[in-house]
Protein backbone atom coordinates (compact mmCIF):
# COMPACT_ATOMS: atom_id res chain seq x y z
CA UNK A 1 -29.48 20.60 -1.25
CA UNK A 2 -26.45 18.79 -2.65
CA UNK A 3 -23.97 20.96 -4.48
CA UNK A 4 -23.61 20.61 -8.23
CA UNK A 5 -20.35 19.20 -9.52
CA UNK A 6 -19.69 19.73 -13.20
CA UNK A 7 -17.24 18.11 -15.59
CA UNK A 8 -16.60 18.67 -19.29
CA UNK A 9 -15.78 15.78 -21.60
CA UNK A 10 -15.15 15.11 -25.27
CA UNK A 11 -16.22 12.19 -27.42
CA UNK A 12 -13.34 9.79 -27.98
CA UNK A 13 -13.04 9.18 -31.70
CA UNK A 14 -9.53 7.72 -31.60
CA UNK A 15 -9.03 4.04 -32.26
CA UNK A 16 -7.98 1.77 -29.40
CA UNK A 17 -4.36 2.05 -30.50
CA UNK A 18 -4.44 5.77 -29.71
CA UNK A 19 -5.15 5.36 -25.98
CA UNK A 20 -1.52 6.11 -25.10
CA UNK A 21 -1.71 9.29 -27.18
CA UNK A 22 -4.83 10.39 -25.26
CA UNK A 23 -3.07 9.97 -21.94
CA UNK A 24 0.08 11.66 -23.21
CA UNK A 25 -2.01 14.72 -24.12
CA UNK A 26 -3.25 14.99 -20.51
CA UNK A 27 -6.59 13.22 -20.83
CA UNK A 28 -8.12 10.15 -19.18
CA UNK A 29 -10.06 7.76 -21.42
CA UNK A 30 -13.50 6.96 -20.02
CA UNK A 31 -16.88 5.45 -20.83
CA UNK A 32 -20.45 6.50 -19.95
CA UNK A 33 -23.03 3.72 -19.72
CA UNK A 34 -26.31 2.82 -18.02
CA UNK A 35 -29.94 3.92 -17.78
CA UNK A 36 -30.88 2.49 -21.18
CA UNK A 37 -28.52 4.79 -23.12
CA UNK A 38 -25.84 3.77 -25.58
CA UNK A 39 -22.31 3.55 -24.29
CA UNK A 40 -20.26 6.66 -25.02
CA UNK A 41 -16.48 6.52 -25.27
CA UNK A 42 -15.21 9.83 -23.96
CA UNK A 43 -12.10 11.50 -22.58
CA UNK A 44 -11.76 14.02 -19.75
CA UNK A 45 -8.85 16.22 -18.82
CA UNK A 46 -6.83 14.47 -16.15
CA UNK A 47 -6.49 17.49 -13.85
CA UNK A 48 -10.20 18.34 -14.17
CA UNK A 49 -11.17 14.79 -13.28
CA UNK A 50 -8.81 14.74 -10.27
CA UNK A 51 -10.45 17.91 -8.94
CA UNK A 52 -13.98 16.57 -9.47
CA UNK A 53 -13.20 13.10 -8.09
CA UNK A 54 -11.73 14.59 -4.92
CA UNK A 55 -15.11 16.28 -4.33
CA UNK A 56 -17.49 13.63 -5.59
CA UNK A 57 -15.77 10.32 -4.92
CA UNK A 58 -18.09 7.45 -5.84
CA UNK A 59 -21.08 8.70 -3.87
CA UNK A 60 -21.93 12.07 -5.39
CA UNK A 61 -23.71 13.01 -8.60
CA UNK A 62 -21.67 14.64 -11.36
CA UNK A 63 -23.13 16.69 -14.22
CA UNK A 64 -21.00 15.70 -17.18
CA UNK A 65 -21.31 17.61 -20.45
CA UNK A 66 -20.02 15.87 -23.60
CA UNK A 67 -18.86 18.18 -26.40
CA UNK A 68 -20.82 21.06 -24.86
CA UNK A 69 -24.14 19.17 -24.86
CA UNK A 70 -26.77 19.00 -22.12
CA UNK A 71 -25.40 17.68 -18.82
CA UNK A 72 -25.77 13.98 -18.04
CA UNK A 73 -26.10 12.97 -14.40
CA UNK A 74 -23.56 10.26 -13.59
CA UNK A 75 -21.62 8.77 -10.71
CA UNK A 76 -18.11 7.37 -10.83
CA UNK A 77 -18.66 3.61 -10.90
CA UNK A 78 -15.08 2.44 -11.25
CA UNK A 79 -11.54 3.67 -11.83
CA UNK A 80 -8.47 1.85 -13.06
CA UNK A 81 -4.99 2.81 -11.88
CA UNK A 82 -1.54 2.29 -13.27
CA UNK A 83 -0.08 -0.55 -11.15
CA UNK A 84 3.30 1.18 -10.92
CA UNK A 85 2.65 4.92 -10.92
CA UNK A 86 -0.75 4.77 -9.19
CA UNK A 87 -2.35 7.40 -11.42
CA UNK A 88 -5.86 6.88 -12.82
CA UNK A 89 -5.78 5.58 -16.39
CA UNK A 90 -9.50 4.86 -17.07
CA UNK A 91 -12.88 5.84 -15.62
CA UNK A 92 -16.33 4.25 -15.79
CA UNK A 93 -19.19 6.75 -15.42
CA UNK A 94 -22.66 5.33 -14.74
CA UNK A 95 -25.56 7.40 -16.09
CA UNK A 96 -28.38 7.37 -13.54
CA UNK A 97 -32.15 7.57 -13.81
CA UNK A 98 -33.24 10.00 -11.11
CA UNK A 99 -36.41 7.94 -10.57
CA UNK A 100 -34.67 4.60 -10.07
CA UNK A 101 -32.74 3.51 -7.01
CA UNK A 102 -29.05 2.72 -7.31
CA UNK A 103 -26.44 1.19 -5.02
CA UNK A 104 -23.41 3.18 -3.92
CA UNK A 105 -20.59 3.10 -1.37
CA UNK A 106 -20.94 5.98 1.09
CA UNK A 107 -17.96 6.90 3.31
CA UNK A 108 -18.50 6.69 7.08
CA UNK A 109 -17.60 9.69 9.23
CA UNK A 110 -16.79 8.81 12.84
CA UNK A 111 -17.89 11.70 15.06
CA UNK A 112 -18.22 12.28 18.79
CA UNK A 113 -16.07 10.90 21.59
CA UNK A 114 -16.01 7.44 23.13
CA UNK A 115 -15.71 7.38 26.93
CA UNK A 116 -14.12 3.95 26.78
CA UNK A 117 -11.37 5.30 24.54
CA UNK A 118 -10.80 8.75 26.05
CA UNK A 119 -11.08 7.93 29.76
CA UNK A 120 -10.39 4.20 29.98
CA UNK A 121 -7.61 3.82 27.44
CA UNK A 122 -9.51 1.51 25.09
CA UNK A 123 -8.65 1.07 21.42
CA UNK A 124 -11.14 1.99 18.70
CA UNK A 125 -11.55 -0.87 16.23
CA UNK A 126 -13.11 0.14 12.90
CA UNK A 127 -14.49 -2.79 10.91
CA UNK A 128 -16.00 -0.66 8.13
CA UNK A 129 -14.99 2.67 6.63
CA UNK A 130 -17.83 2.84 4.10
CA UNK A 131 -21.33 1.46 3.75
CA UNK A 132 -23.04 0.08 0.67
CA UNK A 133 -26.52 1.59 0.43
CA UNK A 134 -29.49 1.71 -1.93
CA UNK A 135 -31.38 4.92 -2.62
CA UNK A 136 -32.56 7.32 -5.30
CA UNK A 137 -29.70 9.26 -6.90
CA UNK A 138 -31.06 12.49 -5.46
CA UNK A 139 -30.74 11.07 -1.93
CA UNK A 140 -26.98 10.45 -2.18
CA UNK A 141 -24.88 12.16 0.50
CA UNK A 142 -21.18 12.91 0.97
CA UNK A 143 -20.92 10.75 4.08
CA UNK A 144 -22.82 9.01 6.87
CA UNK A 145 -22.13 9.99 10.48
CA UNK A 146 -21.40 7.31 13.08
CA UNK A 147 -21.66 8.71 16.64
CA UNK A 148 -19.01 7.20 18.93
CA UNK A 149 -20.65 8.60 22.10
CA UNK A 150 -22.43 5.30 22.67
CA UNK A 151 -19.17 3.43 23.22
CA UNK A 152 -18.91 3.77 27.00
CA UNK A 153 -17.39 0.43 28.00
CA UNK A 154 -14.90 -2.08 26.68
CA UNK A 155 -16.32 -4.36 24.02
CA UNK A 156 -19.23 -2.00 23.29
CA UNK A 157 -20.14 -2.10 19.60
CA UNK A 158 -22.03 -0.07 17.03
CA UNK A 159 -23.76 -2.20 14.42
CA UNK A 160 -25.21 -1.28 11.05
CA UNK A 161 -28.67 -1.28 12.63
CA UNK A 162 -27.52 1.41 15.09
CA UNK A 163 -26.65 3.93 12.36
CA UNK A 164 -29.14 6.69 11.69
CA UNK A 165 -29.35 6.51 7.89
CA UNK A 166 -30.57 9.51 5.86
CA UNK A 167 -34.19 9.38 4.75
CA UNK A 168 -34.85 7.14 1.76
CA UNK A 169 -31.64 5.16 2.21
CA UNK A 170 -31.26 1.49 3.16
CA UNK A 171 -28.13 -0.48 3.99
CA UNK A 172 -27.25 -3.35 1.70
CA UNK A 173 -25.38 -5.45 4.28
CA UNK A 174 -26.45 -7.43 7.35
CA UNK A 175 -27.96 -5.18 10.02
CA UNK A 176 -25.97 -7.07 12.70
CA UNK A 177 -22.63 -6.36 11.02
CA UNK A 178 -20.24 -4.62 13.43
CA UNK A 179 -19.15 -1.16 12.27
CA UNK A 180 -16.93 -0.10 15.16
CA UNK A 181 -16.10 -1.38 18.64
CA UNK A 182 -13.77 -0.74 21.59
CA UNK A 183 -11.10 -3.20 22.65
CA UNK A 184 -9.70 -3.35 26.18
CA UNK A 185 -6.04 -2.33 26.56
CA UNK A 186 -3.63 -5.26 26.53
CA UNK A 187 -2.46 -6.25 30.03
CA UNK A 188 1.01 -7.41 30.96
CA UNK A 189 0.98 -11.17 31.06
CA UNK A 190 1.44 -12.57 34.55
CA UNK A 191 4.12 -15.21 34.81
CA UNK A 192 2.91 -18.67 35.84
CA UNK A 193 3.32 -19.45 39.55
CA UNK A 194 5.39 -22.54 38.69
CA UNK A 195 7.87 -20.35 36.80
CA UNK A 196 8.24 -17.97 39.75
CA UNK A 197 8.71 -20.89 42.16
CA UNK A 198 11.34 -22.37 39.86
CA UNK A 199 13.28 -19.12 39.75
CA UNK A 200 13.09 -18.81 43.55
CA UNK A 201 14.37 -22.39 43.93
CA UNK A 202 17.29 -21.73 41.57
CA UNK A 203 18.13 -18.57 43.49
CA UNK A 204 18.22 -20.47 46.80
CA UNK A 205 20.35 -23.23 45.26
CA UNK A 206 22.81 -20.66 43.93
CA UNK A 207 23.01 -19.01 47.36
CA UNK A 208 23.55 -22.43 48.98
CA UNK A 209 26.36 -23.32 46.57
CA UNK A 210 28.06 -19.98 47.20
CA UNK A 211 27.79 -20.57 51.01
CA UNK A 212 29.28 -24.06 50.66
CA UNK A 213 32.15 -22.69 48.58
CA UNK A 214 32.76 -19.96 51.14
CA UNK A 215 32.78 -22.47 54.04
CA UNK A 216 35.17 -24.72 52.11
CA UNK A 217 37.56 -21.85 51.45
CA UNK A 218 37.47 -20.88 55.11
CA UNK A 219 38.22 -24.47 56.17
CA UNK A 220 41.13 -24.75 53.74
CA UNK A 221 42.58 -21.53 55.06
CA UNK A 222 42.22 -22.72 58.68
CA UNK A 223 44.03 -25.98 57.92
CA UNK A 224 46.72 -24.07 56.09
CA UNK A 225 47.34 -21.87 59.11
CA UNK A 226 47.83 -24.95 61.23
């Protein structure tokens, strides 16, 4: 059974011009929408949201209580960050209907050991680090395992269709999409035969010139002795 993650929030009554004040007081402005309910402008304590988001990410249900009311089941649908500081400055919470399927991005967890990597020196190439899926909110999971044990040779691949998805979950991308593969180690490039022959020819020519110079010096010395 998935663990419960709770978050307290307050209705945001401030006008739009007060957004900076909200952030200055240690809150993050946010909105709750979806599932036929009216949009609610709320604010959550920044540190509380950081803690919850580190656990839930965008693939785990959160029980959010507004002004002490009954919890609302939501997921984090989107976050906005300050382009300079990188801190979160706004959050979109999507209120789910537990009887209706939703789409979500689930992180991939790469487990097991690839023989082609460990014993043959191959390089693991990850094409995806998360998978968009469709399922009931109650079927959401923290992550989906991808077993690397099947990668025994260079250029072996694991495709979306090879992943053992949790019950009630379906992938929303092409089943033939490559998730992870193994690339062969790069080999030292062999020099063209013509290049080697050219170097050998230059070497012989250099040796011949040096021999001619040596013979000429010897002849000059002999004539000088005479």
